[in-house]
Amino acid sequence: MNGEVLNGREQISKHHLLCKTLKLVSTKSDVLILANHKKSIDYEVIENYYDIRERHKKLIIWQTANSKRIRVFEFIGKVDSAGATLVDVDERRKLWLELWNQHEAKELI
C-alpha cells in the first residue's frame, strides 16, 4: 500500500485483510498532544514493530465529542532506517513555517 487513500470502513477492512500476513510484535506511543482544546483534537504518534523487522509510524488525529473519542485521521508510513539529515529537517521546517505564516494556522487545526 503506497500512496493510496482509504476512506470508510469497507476500504479499511479490505486493506487490513490483505495485511494479515504482518504480525505486530510491539507498539509504542511516542507522543500524544492536545492540538486544539476548543475542538477537543489530539495528535498521537505511534511506532509499530513487526515480525519481519519492519517499523511503521502512525500519525493519528483524535477528536472527542460527547465523551467519545473518535479517530478522524490516520497516516501510516514505513520507517526508513537511513533517516533524514538535519539539513532535510531544517528545509522542511522552513517550508512549514512559511505555510503556517500564510494562513490562520490555529483555525486549520
PDB file of N, CA and C in Angstrom:
ATOM      1  N   MET A   1       0.840  -1.174   0.000  1.00  0.00           N
ATOM      2  CA  MET A   1       0.000   0.000   0.000  1.00  0.00           C
ATOM      3  C   MET A   1       0.879   1.228   0.000  1.00  0.00           C
ATOM      4  N   ASN A   2       1.059   1.825  -1.129  1.00  0.00           N
ATOM      5  CA  ASN A   2       1.876   3.031  -1.236  1.00  0.00           C
ATOM      6  C   ASN A   2       1.094   4.113  -1.950  1.00  0.00           C
ATOM      7  N   GLY A   3       0.880   5.226  -1.287  1.00  0.00           N
ATOM      8  CA  GLY A   3       0.240   6.357  -1.902  1.00  0.00           C
ATOM      9  C   GLY A   3      -1.247   6.214  -2.151  1.00  0.00           C
ATOM     10  N   GLU A   4      -1.899   5.295  -1.480  1.00  0.00           N
ATOM     11  CA  GLU A   4      -3.337   5.129  -1.654  1.00  0.00           C
ATOM     12  C   GLU A   4      -4.069   5.730  -0.468  1.00  0.00           C
ATOM     13  N   VAL A   5      -5.281   6.178  -0.727  1.00  0.00           N
ATOM     14  CA  VAL A   5      -6.124   6.717   0.329  1.00  0.00           C
ATOM     15  C   VAL A   5      -7.259   5.744   0.574  1.00  0.00           C
ATOM     16  N   LEU A   6      -7.441   5.396   1.829  1.00  0.00           N
ATOM     17  CA  LEU A   6      -8.552   4.530   2.225  1.00  0.00           C
ATOM     18  C   LEU A   6      -9.571   5.401   2.937  1.00  0.00           C
ATOM     19  N   ASN A   7     -10.811   5.283   2.520  1.00  0.00           N
ATOM     20  CA  ASN A   7     -11.850   6.113   3.109  1.00  0.00           C
ATOM     21  C   ASN A   7     -13.052   5.245   3.443  1.00  0.00           C
ATOM     22  N   GLY A   8     -13.395   5.191   4.717  1.00  0.00           N
ATOM     23  CA  GLY A   8     -14.562   4.439   5.135  1.00  0.00           C
ATOM     24  C   GLY A   8     -14.226   3.037   5.596  1.00  0.00           C
ATOM     25  N   ARG A   9     -15.172   2.446   6.315  1.00  0.00           N
ATOM     26  CA  ARG A   9     -14.963   1.125   6.919  1.00  0.00           C
ATOM     27  C   ARG A   9     -14.667   0.035   5.896  1.00  0.00           C
ATOM     28  N   GLU A  10     -15.395   0.029   4.784  1.00  0.00           N
ATOM     29  CA  GLU A  10     -15.240  -1.046   3.804  1.00  0.00           C
ATOM     30  C   GLU A  10     -13.829  -1.076   3.216  1.00  0.00           C
ATOM     31  N   GLN A  11     -13.327   0.069   2.781  1.00  0.00           N
ATOM     32  CA  GLN A  11     -11.976   0.116   2.206  1.00  0.00           C
ATOM     33  C   GLN A  11     -10.916  -0.238   3.242  1.00  0.00           C
ATOM     34  N   ILE A  12     -11.076   0.265   4.448  1.00  0.00           N
ATOM     35  CA  ILE A  12     -10.099  -0.010   5.505  1.00  0.00           C
ATOM     36  C   ILE A  12     -10.113  -1.493   5.860  1.00  0.00           C
ATOM     37  N   SER A  13     -11.294  -2.086   5.964  1.00  0.00           N
ATOM     38  CA  SER A  13     -11.404  -3.518   6.282  1.00  0.00           C
ATOM     39  C   SER A  13     -10.735  -4.384   5.219  1.00  0.00           C
ATOM     40  N   LYS A  14     -10.949  -4.058   3.956  1.00  0.00           N
ATOM     41  CA  LYS A  14     -10.322  -4.819   2.869  1.00  0.00           C
ATOM     42  C   LYS A  14      -8.796  -4.725   2.955  1.00  0.00           C
ATOM     43  N   HIS A  15      -8.288  -3.543   3.255  1.00  0.00           N
ATOM     44  CA  HIS A  15      -6.839  -3.361   3.373  1.00  0.00           C
ATOM     45  C   HIS A  15      -6.284  -4.191   4.529  1.00  0.00           C
ATOM     46  N   HIS A  16      -6.954  -4.165   5.670  1.00  0.00           N
ATOM     47  CA  HIS A  16      -6.475  -4.916   6.833  1.00  0.00           C
ATOM     48  C   HIS A  16      -6.488  -6.418   6.579  1.00  0.00           C
ATOM     49  N   LEU A  17      -7.437  -6.902   5.804  1.00  0.00           N
ATOM     50  CA  LEU A  17      -7.450  -8.326   5.443  1.00  0.00           C
ATOM     51  C   LEU A  17      -6.221  -8.684   4.617  1.00  0.00           C
ATOM     52  N   LEU A  18      -5.803  -7.778   3.727  1.00  0.00           N
ATOM     53  CA  LEU A  18      -4.614  -8.018   2.905  1.00  0.00           C
ATOM     54  C   LEU A  18      -3.331  -7.992   3.733  1.00  0.00           C
ATOM     55  N   CYS A  19      -3.337  -7.261   4.835  1.00  0.00           N
ATOM     56  CA  CYS A  19      -2.134  -7.093   5.663  1.00  0.00           C
ATOM     57  C   CYS A  19      -2.025  -8.095   6.802  1.00  0.00           C
ATOM     58  N   LYS A  20      -2.881  -9.076   6.845  1.00  0.00           N
ATOM     59  CA  LYS A  20      -2.860 -10.031   7.964  1.00  0.00           C
ATOM     60  C   LYS A  20      -1.571 -10.843   8.028  1.00  0.00           C
ATOM     61  N   THR A  21      -0.764 -10.819   6.966  1.00  0.00           N
ATOM     62  CA  THR A  21       0.488 -11.578   6.992  1.00  0.00           C
ATOM     63  C   THR A  21       1.510 -10.927   7.921  1.00  0.00           C
ATOM     64  N   LEU A  22       1.367  -9.634   8.209  1.00  0.00           N
ATOM     65  CA  LEU A  22       2.274  -8.962   9.135  1.00  0.00           C
ATOM     66  C   LEU A  22       1.832  -9.254  10.563  1.00  0.00           C
ATOM     67  N   LYS A  23       2.788  -9.631  11.391  1.00  0.00           N
ATOM     68  CA  LYS A  23       2.480  -9.886  12.795  1.00  0.00           C
ATOM     69  C   LYS A  23       3.063  -8.752  13.627  1.00  0.00           C
ATOM     70  N   LEU A  24       2.196  -8.067  14.342  1.00  0.00           N
ATOM     71  CA  LEU A  24       2.619  -6.975  15.205  1.00  0.00           C
ATOM     72  C   LEU A  24       3.323  -7.553  16.429  1.00  0.00           C
ATOM     73  N   VAL A  25       4.566  -7.129  16.634  1.00  0.00           N
ATOM     74  CA  VAL A  25       5.354  -7.598  17.770  1.00  0.00           C
ATOM     75  C   VAL A  25       5.174  -6.660  18.963  1.00  0.00           C
ATOM     76  N   SER A  26       5.242  -5.349  18.704  1.00  0.00           N
ATOM     77  CA  SER A  26       5.047  -4.393  19.787  1.00  0.00           C
ATOM     78  C   SER A  26       4.619  -3.048  19.208  1.00  0.00           C
ATOM     79  N   THR A  27       4.055  -2.241  20.067  1.00  0.00           N
ATOM     80  CA  THR A  27       3.640  -0.894  19.679  1.00  0.00           C
ATOM     81  C   THR A  27       3.972   0.059  20.813  1.00  0.00           C
ATOM     82  N   LYS A  28       4.294   1.290  20.454  1.00  0.00           N
ATOM     83  CA  LYS A  28       4.689   2.276  21.454  1.00  0.00           C
ATOM     84  C   LYS A  28       4.144   3.637  21.040  1.00  0.00           C
ATOM     85  N   SER A  29       3.490   4.319  21.962  1.00  0.00           N
ATOM     86  CA  SER A  29       3.028   5.676  21.699  1.00  0.00           C
ATOM     87  C   SER A  29       4.184   6.627  21.988  1.00  0.00           C
ATOM     88  N   ASP A  30       4.658   7.307  20.955  1.00  0.00           N
ATOM     89  CA  ASP A  30       5.785   8.229  21.122  1.00  0.00           C
ATOM     90  C   ASP A  30       5.343   9.549  21.745  1.00  0.00           C
ATOM     91  N   VAL A  31       4.173  10.029  21.318  1.00  0.00           N
ATOM     92  CA  VAL A  31       3.709  11.315  21.821  1.00  0.00           C
ATOM     93  C   VAL A  31       2.196  11.418  21.631  1.00  0.00           C
ATOM     94  N   LEU A  32       1.550  12.060  22.579  1.00  0.00           N
ATOM     95  CA  LEU A  32       0.132  12.385  22.497  1.00  0.00           C
ATOM     96  C   LEU A  32      -0.002  13.813  22.998  1.00  0.00           C
ATOM     97  N   ILE A  33      -0.442  14.716  22.106  1.00  0.00           N
ATOM     98  CA  ILE A  33      -0.541  16.124  22.490  1.00  0.00           C
ATOM     99  C   ILE A  33      -1.922  16.675  22.161  1.00  0.00           C
ATOM    100  N   LEU A  34      -2.357  17.626  22.961  1.00  0.00           N
ATOM    101  CA  LEU A  34      -3.595  18.334  22.701  1.00  0.00           C
ATOM    102  C   LEU A  34      -3.291  19.402  21.653  1.00  0.00           C
ATOM    103  N   ALA A  35      -3.886  19.262  20.473  1.00  0.00           N
ATOM    104  CA  ALA A  35      -3.622  20.199  19.384  1.00  0.00           C
ATOM    105  C   ALA A  35      -4.573  21.385  19.413  1.00  0.00           C
ATOM    106  N   ASN A  36      -5.817  21.141  19.818  1.00  0.00           N
ATOM    107  CA  ASN A  36      -6.800  22.210  19.853  1.00  0.00           C
ATOM    108  C   ASN A  36      -7.791  21.923  20.979  1.00  0.00           C
ATOM    109  N   HIS A  37      -7.665  22.697  22.045  1.00  0.00           N
ATOM    110  CA  HIS A  37      -8.525  22.470  23.222  1.00  0.00           C
ATOM    111  C   HIS A  37      -9.989  22.740  22.894  1.00  0.00           C
ATOM    112  N   LYS A  38     -10.257  23.827  22.177  1.00  0.00           N
ATOM    113  CA  LYS A  38     -11.632  24.228  21.853  1.00  0.00           C
ATOM    114  C   LYS A  38     -12.359  23.149  21.047  1.00  0.00           C
ATOM    115  N   LYS A  39     -11.663  22.510  20.110  1.00  0.00           N
ATOM    116  CA  LYS A  39     -12.271  21.477  19.264  1.00  0.00           C
ATOM    117  C   LYS A  39     -12.022  20.064  19.791  1.00  0.00           C
ATOM    118  N   SER A  40     -11.344  19.943  20.929  1.00  0.00           N
ATOM    119  CA  SER A  40     -11.008  18.638  21.543  1.00  0.00           C
ATOM    120  C   SER A  40     -10.298  17.712  20.561  1.00  0.00           C
ATOM    121  N   ILE A  41      -9.220  18.217  19.965  1.00  0.00           N
ATOM    122  CA  ILE A  41      -8.444  17.453  18.989  1.00  0.00           C
ATOM    123  C   ILE A  41      -7.068  17.142  19.565  1.00  0.00           C
ATOM    124  N   ASP A  42      -6.684  15.856  19.499  1.00  0.00           N
ATOM    125  CA  ASP A  42      -5.368  15.392  19.948  1.00  0.00           C
ATOM    126  C   ASP A  42      -4.615  14.796  18.760  1.00  0.00           C
ATOM    127  N   TYR A  43      -3.290  14.943  18.786  1.00  0.00           N
ATOM    128  CA  TYR A  43      -2.422  14.278  17.817  1.00  0.00           C
ATOM    129  C   TYR A  43      -1.639  13.208  18.556  1.00  0.00           C
ATOM    130  N   GLU A  44      -1.532  12.029  17.961  1.00  0.00           N
ATOM    131  CA  GLU A  44      -0.743  10.955  18.559  1.00  0.00           C
ATOM    132  C   GLU A  44       0.179  10.362  17.498  1.00  0.00           C
ATOM    133  N   VAL A  45       1.421  10.108  17.894  1.00  0.00           N
ATOM    134  CA  VAL A  45       2.384   9.429  17.030  1.00  0.00           C
ATOM    135  C   VAL A  45       2.712   8.094  17.680  1.00  0.00           C
ATOM    136  N   ILE A  46       2.561   7.024  16.907  1.00  0.00           N
ATOM    137  CA  ILE A  46       2.770   5.664  17.391  1.00  0.00           C
ATOM    138  C   ILE A  46       3.794   4.974  16.503  1.00  0.00           C
ATOM    139  N   GLU A  47       4.605   4.114  17.108  1.00  0.00           N
ATOM    140  CA  GLU A  47       5.537   3.297  16.325  1.00  0.00           C
ATOM    141  C   GLU A  47       5.188   1.832  16.532  1.00  0.00           C
ATOM    142  N   ASN A  48       5.009   1.112  15.426  1.00  0.00           N
ATOM    143  CA  ASN A  48       4.719  -0.322  15.458  1.00  0.00           C
ATOM    144  C   ASN A  48       5.919  -1.105  14.958  1.00  0.00           C
ATOM    145  N   TYR A  49       6.222  -2.214  15.626  1.00  0.00           N
ATOM    146  CA  TYR A  49       7.293  -3.120  15.213  1.00  0.00           C
ATOM    147  C   TYR A  49       6.655  -4.426  14.763  1.00  0.00           C
ATOM    148  N   TYR A  50       7.072  -4.920  13.595  1.00  0.00           N
ATOM    149  CA  TYR A  50       6.504  -6.143  13.035  1.00  0.00           C
ATOM    150  C   TYR A  50       7.537  -7.258  12.992  1.00  0.00           C
ATOM    151  N   ASP A  51       7.054  -8.494  12.880  1.00  0.00           N
ATOM    152  CA  ASP A  51       7.924  -9.668  12.913  1.00  0.00           C
ATOM    153  C   ASP A  51       8.917  -9.728  11.756  1.00  0.00           C
ATOM    154  N   ILE A  52       8.682  -9.017  10.692  1.00  0.00           N
ATOM    155  CA  ILE A  52       9.607  -9.040   9.549  1.00  0.00           C
ATOM    156  C   ILE A  52      10.661  -7.935   9.669  1.00  0.00           C
ATOM    157  N   ARG A  53      10.849  -7.460  10.907  1.00  0.00           N
ATOM    158  CA  ARG A  53      11.833  -6.429  11.233  1.00  0.00           C
ATOM    159  C   ARG A  53      11.565  -5.110  10.511  1.00  0.00           C
ATOM    160  N   GLU A  54      10.297  -4.798  10.393  1.00  0.00           N
ATOM    161  CA  GLU A  54       9.894  -3.507   9.841  1.00  0.00           C
ATOM    162  C   GLU A  54       9.291  -2.671  10.964  1.00  0.00           C
ATOM    163  N   ARG A  55       9.487  -1.363  10.835  1.00  0.00           N
ATOM    164  CA  ARG A  55       8.865  -0.422  11.757  1.00  0.00           C
ATOM    165  C   ARG A  55       7.983   0.518  10.939  1.00  0.00           C
ATOM    166  N   HIS A  56       6.832   0.824  11.472  1.00  0.00           N
ATOM    167  CA  HIS A  56       5.927   1.781  10.851  1.00  0.00           C
ATOM    168  C   HIS A  56       5.550   2.834  11.882  1.00  0.00           C
ATOM    169  N   LYS A  57       5.467   4.075  11.437  1.00  0.00           N
ATOM    170  CA  LYS A  57       4.994   5.170  12.281  1.00  0.00           C
ATOM    171  C   LYS A  57       3.579   5.511  11.860  1.00  0.00           C
ATOM    172  N   LYS A  58       2.776   5.881  12.843  1.00  0.00           N
ATOM    173  CA  LYS A  58       1.406   6.310  12.586  1.00  0.00           C
ATOM    174  C   LYS A  58       1.211   7.703  13.161  1.00  0.00           C
ATOM    175  N   LEU A  59       0.521   8.528  12.425  1.00  0.00           N
ATOM    176  CA  LEU A  59       0.016   9.790  12.955  1.00  0.00           C
ATOM    177  C   LEU A  59      -1.487   9.616  13.027  1.00  0.00           C
ATOM    178  N   ILE A  60      -2.027   9.757  14.220  1.00  0.00           N
ATOM    179  CA  ILE A  60      -3.464   9.619  14.413  1.00  0.00           C
ATOM    180  C   ILE A  60      -4.000  10.933  14.977  1.00  0.00           C
ATOM    181  N   ILE A  61      -5.092  11.401  14.390  1.00  0.00           N
ATOM    182  CA  ILE A  61      -5.769  12.586  14.910  1.00  0.00           C
ATOM    183  C   ILE A  61      -7.074  12.111  15.542  1.00  0.00           C
ATOM    184  N   TRP A  62      -7.200  12.425  16.830  1.00  0.00           N
ATOM    185  CA  TRP A  62      -8.368  12.041  17.617  1.00  0.00           C
ATOM    186  C   TRP A  62      -9.219  13.269  17.885  1.00  0.00           C
ATOM    187  N   GLN A  63     -10.533  13.074  17.909  1.00  0.00           N
ATOM    188  CA  GLN A  63     -11.435  14.139  18.333  1.00  0.00           C
ATOM    189  C   GLN A  63     -12.417  13.555  19.340  1.00  0.00           C
ATOM    190  N   THR A  64     -12.605  14.273  20.427  1.00  0.00           N
ATOM    191  CA  THR A  64     -13.527  13.829  21.464  1.00  0.00           C
ATOM    192  C   THR A  64     -14.809  14.647  21.377  1.00  0.00           C
ATOM    193  N   ALA A  65     -15.923  13.921  21.307  1.00  0.00           N
ATOM    194  CA  ALA A  65     -17.230  14.566  21.274  1.00  0.00           C
ATOM    195  C   ALA A  65     -18.190  13.728  22.114  1.00  0.00           C
ATOM    196  N   ASN A  66     -18.917  14.374  23.002  1.00  0.00           N
ATOM    197  CA  ASN A  66     -19.860  13.676  23.888  1.00  0.00           C
ATOM    198  C   ASN A  66     -19.187  12.521  24.627  1.00  0.00           C
ATOM    199  N   SER A  67     -17.999  12.759  25.155  1.00  0.00           N
ATOM    200  CA  SER A  67     -17.215  11.774  25.917  1.00  0.00           C
ATOM    201  C   SER A  67     -16.804  10.557  25.088  1.00  0.00           C
ATOM    202  N   LYS A  68     -16.884  10.657  23.770  1.00  0.00           N
ATOM    203  CA  LYS A  68     -16.483   9.560  22.893  1.00  0.00           C
ATOM    204  C   LYS A  68     -15.297  10.006  22.041  1.00  0.00           C
ATOM    205  N   ARG A  69     -14.223   9.219  22.100  1.00  0.00           N
ATOM    206  CA  ARG A  69     -13.003   9.530  21.352  1.00  0.00           C
ATOM    207  C   ARG A  69     -13.084   8.865  19.979  1.00  0.00           C
ATOM    208  N   ILE A  70     -12.961   9.680  18.917  1.00  0.00           N
ATOM    209  CA  ILE A  70     -13.113   9.188  17.548  1.00  0.00           C
ATOM    210  C   ILE A  70     -11.820   9.435  16.782  1.00  0.00           C
ATOM    211  N   ARG A  71     -11.370   8.400  16.072  1.00  0.00           N
ATOM    212  CA  ARG A  71     -10.199   8.519  15.203  1.00  0.00           C
ATOM    213  C   ARG A  71     -10.682   9.151  13.896  1.00  0.00           C
ATOM    214  N   VAL A  72     -10.271  10.404  13.639  1.00  0.00           N
ATOM    215  CA  VAL A  72     -10.755  11.101  12.447  1.00  0.00           C
ATOM    216  C   VAL A  72      -9.758  11.068  11.295  1.00  0.00           C
ATOM    217  N   PHE A  73      -8.498  10.728  11.608  1.00  0.00           N
ATOM    218  CA  PHE A  73      -7.478  10.645  10.561  1.00  0.00           C
ATOM    219  C   PHE A  73      -6.375   9.717  11.033  1.00  0.00           C
ATOM    220  N   GLU A  74      -5.837   8.935  10.089  1.00  0.00           N
ATOM    221  CA  GLU A  74      -4.686   8.078  10.400  1.00  0.00           C
ATOM    222  C   GLU A  74      -3.786   8.011   9.179  1.00  0.00           C
ATOM    223  N   PHE A  75      -2.501   8.233   9.405  1.00  0.00           N
ATOM    224  CA  PHE A  75      -1.498   8.103   8.347  1.00  0.00           C
ATOM    225  C   PHE A  75      -0.473   7.092   8.822  1.00  0.00           C
ATOM    226  N   ILE A  76      -0.124   6.135   7.967  1.00  0.00           N
ATOM    227  CA  ILE A  76       0.858   5.108   8.308  1.00  0.00           C
ATOM    228  C   ILE A  76       1.974   5.149   7.270  1.00  0.00           C
ATOM    229  N   GLY A  77       3.212   5.133   7.750  1.00  0.00           N
ATOM    230  CA  GLY A  77       4.360   5.109   6.850  1.00  0.00           C
ATOM    231  C   GLY A  77       5.457   4.220   7.392  1.00  0.00           C
ATOM    232  N   LYS A  78       6.148   3.548   6.486  1.00  0.00           N
ATOM    233  CA  LYS A  78       7.266   2.690   6.866  1.00  0.00           C
ATOM    234  C   LYS A  78       8.442   3.566   7.280  1.00  0.00           C
ATOM    235  N   VAL A  79       9.112   3.180   8.361  1.00  0.00           N
ATOM    236  CA  VAL A  79      10.272   3.924   8.846  1.00  0.00           C
ATOM    237  C   VAL A  79      11.479   3.541   8.010  1.00  0.00           C
ATOM    238  N   ASP A  80      12.123   4.547   7.458  1.00  0.00           N
ATOM    239  CA  ASP A  80      13.336   4.347   6.666  1.00  0.00           C
ATOM    240  C   ASP A  80      14.526   4.388   7.616  1.00  0.00           C
ATOM    241  N   SER A  81      15.286   3.324   7.662  1.00  0.00           N
ATOM    242  CA  SER A  81      16.401   3.251   8.615  1.00  0.00           C
ATOM    243  C   SER A  81      17.479   4.286   8.333  1.00  0.00           C
ATOM    244  N   ALA A  82      17.552   4.793   7.097  1.00  0.00           N
ATOM    245  CA  ALA A  82      18.560   5.803   6.766  1.00  0.00           C
ATOM    246  C   ALA A  82      18.253   7.118   7.483  1.00  0.00           C
ATOM    247  N   GLY A  83      16.964   7.421   7.621  1.00  0.00           N
ATOM    248  CA  GLY A  83      16.564   8.628   8.327  1.00  0.00           C
ATOM    249  C   GLY A  83      16.843   9.889   7.526  1.00  0.00           C
ATOM    250  N   ALA A  84      16.359  10.983   8.044  1.00  0.00           N
ATOM    251  CA  ALA A  84      16.552  12.279   7.400  1.00  0.00           C
ATOM    252  C   ALA A  84      17.739  12.978   8.048  1.00  0.00           C
ATOM    253  N   THR A  85      18.410  13.781   7.245  1.00  0.00           N
ATOM    254  CA  THR A  85      19.517  14.562   7.789  1.00  0.00           C
ATOM    255  C   THR A  85      18.963  15.828   8.417  1.00  0.00           C
ATOM    256  N   LEU A  86      19.778  16.487   9.231  1.00  0.00           N
ATOM    257  CA  LEU A  86      19.341  17.737   9.843  1.00  0.00           C
ATOM    258  C   LEU A  86      19.057  18.796   8.786  1.00  0.00           C
ATOM    259  N   VAL A  87      19.787  18.762   7.681  1.00  0.00           N
ATOM    260  CA  VAL A  87      19.548  19.701   6.584  1.00  0.00           C
ATOM    261  C   VAL A  87      18.146  19.478   6.019  1.00  0.00           C
ATOM    262  N   ASP A  88      17.776  18.209   5.812  1.00  0.00           N
ATOM    263  CA  ASP A  88      16.438  17.889   5.313  1.00  0.00           C
ATOM    264  C   ASP A  88      15.363  18.393   6.267  1.00  0.00           C
ATOM    265  N   VAL A  89      15.563  18.147   7.544  1.00  0.00           N
ATOM    266  CA  VAL A  89      14.595  18.563   8.557  1.00  0.00           C
ATOM    267  C   VAL A  89      14.478  20.084   8.579  1.00  0.00           C
ATOM    268  N   ASP A  90      15.603  20.786   8.536  1.00  0.00           N
ATOM    269  CA  ASP A  90      15.587  22.249   8.547  1.00  0.00           C
ATOM    270  C   ASP A  90      14.875  22.817   7.326  1.00  0.00           C
ATOM    271  N   GLU A  91      15.080  22.193   6.152  1.00  0.00           N
ATOM    272  CA  GLU A  91      14.401  22.659   4.939  1.00  0.00           C
ATOM    273  C   GLU A  91      12.893  22.484   5.055  1.00  0.00           C
ATOM    274  N   ARG A  92      12.457  21.346   5.575  1.00  0.00           N
ATOM    275  CA  ARG A  92      11.023  21.095   5.755  1.00  0.00           C
ATOM    276  C   ARG A  92      10.429  22.027   6.811  1.00  0.00           C
ATOM    277  N   ARG A  93      11.185  22.282   7.878  1.00  0.00           N
ATOM    278  CA  ARG A  93      10.721  23.182   8.928  1.00  0.00           C
ATOM    279  C   ARG A  93      10.531  24.593   8.366  1.00  0.00           C
ATOM    280  N   LYS A  94      11.473  25.040   7.540  1.00  0.00           N
ATOM    281  CA  LYS A  94      11.385  26.367   6.931  1.00  0.00           C
ATOM    282  C   LYS A  94      10.133  26.464   6.050  1.00  0.00           C
ATOM    283  N   LEU A  95       9.885  25.438   5.232  1.00  0.00           N
ATOM    284  CA  LEU A  95       8.697  25.422   4.386  1.00  0.00           C
ATOM    285  C   LEU A  95       7.431  25.425   5.229  1.00  0.00           C
ATOM    286  N   TRP A  96       7.404  24.618   6.290  1.00  0.00           N
ATOM    287  CA  TRP A  96       6.235  24.561   7.167  1.00  0.00           C
ATOM    288  C   TRP A  96       5.953  25.939   7.767  1.00  0.00           C
ATOM    289  N   LEU A  97       6.986  26.623   8.239  1.00  0.00           N
ATOM    290  CA  LEU A  97       6.789  27.937   8.841  1.00  0.00           C
ATOM    291  C   LEU A  97       6.273  28.945   7.819  1.00  0.00           C
ATOM    292  N   GLU A  98       6.755  28.873   6.592  1.00  0.00           N
ATOM    293  CA  GLU A  98       6.258  29.751   5.529  1.00  0.00           C
ATOM    294  C   GLU A  98       4.765  29.517   5.309  1.00  0.00           C
ATOM    295  N   LEU A  99       4.376  28.250   5.206  1.00  0.00           N
ATOM    296  CA  LEU A  99       2.966  27.921   5.001  1.00  0.00           C
ATOM    297  C   LEU A  99       2.125  28.315   6.213  1.00  0.00           C
ATOM    298  N   TRP A 100       2.650  28.065   7.397  1.00  0.00           N
ATOM    299  CA  TRP A 100       1.972  28.404   8.642  1.00  0.00           C
ATOM    300  C   TRP A 100       1.680  29.904   8.689  1.00  0.00           C
ATOM    301  N   ASN A 101       2.653  30.716   8.323  1.00  0.00           N
ATOM    302  CA  ASN A 101       2.507  32.160   8.394  1.00  0.00           C
ATOM    303  C   ASN A 101       1.582  32.733   7.327  1.00  0.00           C
ATOM    304  N   GLN A 102       1.296  31.962   6.294  1.00  0.00           N
ATOM    305  CA  GLN A 102       0.409  32.428   5.227  1.00  0.00           C
ATOM    306  C   GLN A 102      -1.061  32.231   5.563  1.00  0.00           C
ATOM    307  N   HIS A 103      -1.359  31.498   6.622  1.00  0.00           N
ATOM    308  CA  HIS A 103      -2.738  31.147   6.931  1.00  0.00           C
ATOM    309  C   HIS A 103      -3.072  31.424   8.389  1.00  0.00           C
ATOM    310  N   GLU A 104      -4.335  31.345   8.684  1.00  0.00           N
ATOM    311  CA  GLU A 104      -4.795  31.399  10.063  1.00  0.00           C
ATOM    312  C   GLU A 104      -4.555  29.997  10.635  1.00  0.00           C
ATOM    313  N   ALA A 105      -3.327  29.722  10.977  1.00  0.00           N
ATOM    314  CA  ALA A 105      -2.895  28.360  11.311  1.00  0.00           C
ATOM    315  C   ALA A 105      -3.724  27.717  12.418  1.00  0.00           C
ATOM    316  N   LYS A 106      -4.063  28.459  13.444  1.00  0.00           N
ATOM    317  CA  LYS A 106      -4.821  27.859  14.546  1.00  0.00           C
ATOM    318  C   LYS A 106      -6.199  27.413  14.114  1.00  0.00           C
ATOM    319  N   GLU A 107      -6.739  28.034  13.081  1.00  0.00           N
ATOM    320  CA  GLU A 107      -8.042  27.607  12.563  1.00  0.00           C
ATOM    321  C   GLU A 107      -7.945  26.359  11.709  1.00  0.00           C
ATOM    322  N   LEU A 108      -6.742  26.035  11.234  1.00  0.00           N
ATOM    323  CA  LEU A 108      -6.552  24.854  10.392  1.00  0.00           C
ATOM    324  C   LEU A 108      -6.504  23.583  11.222  1.00  0.00           C
ATOM    325  N   ILE A 109      -6.212  23.693  12.492  1.00  0.00           N
ATOM    326  CA  ILE A 109      -6.102  22.514  13.346  1.00  0.00           C
ATOM    327  C   ILE A 109      -7.473  22.104  13.823  1.00  0.00           C
TER     328      ILE A 109
END
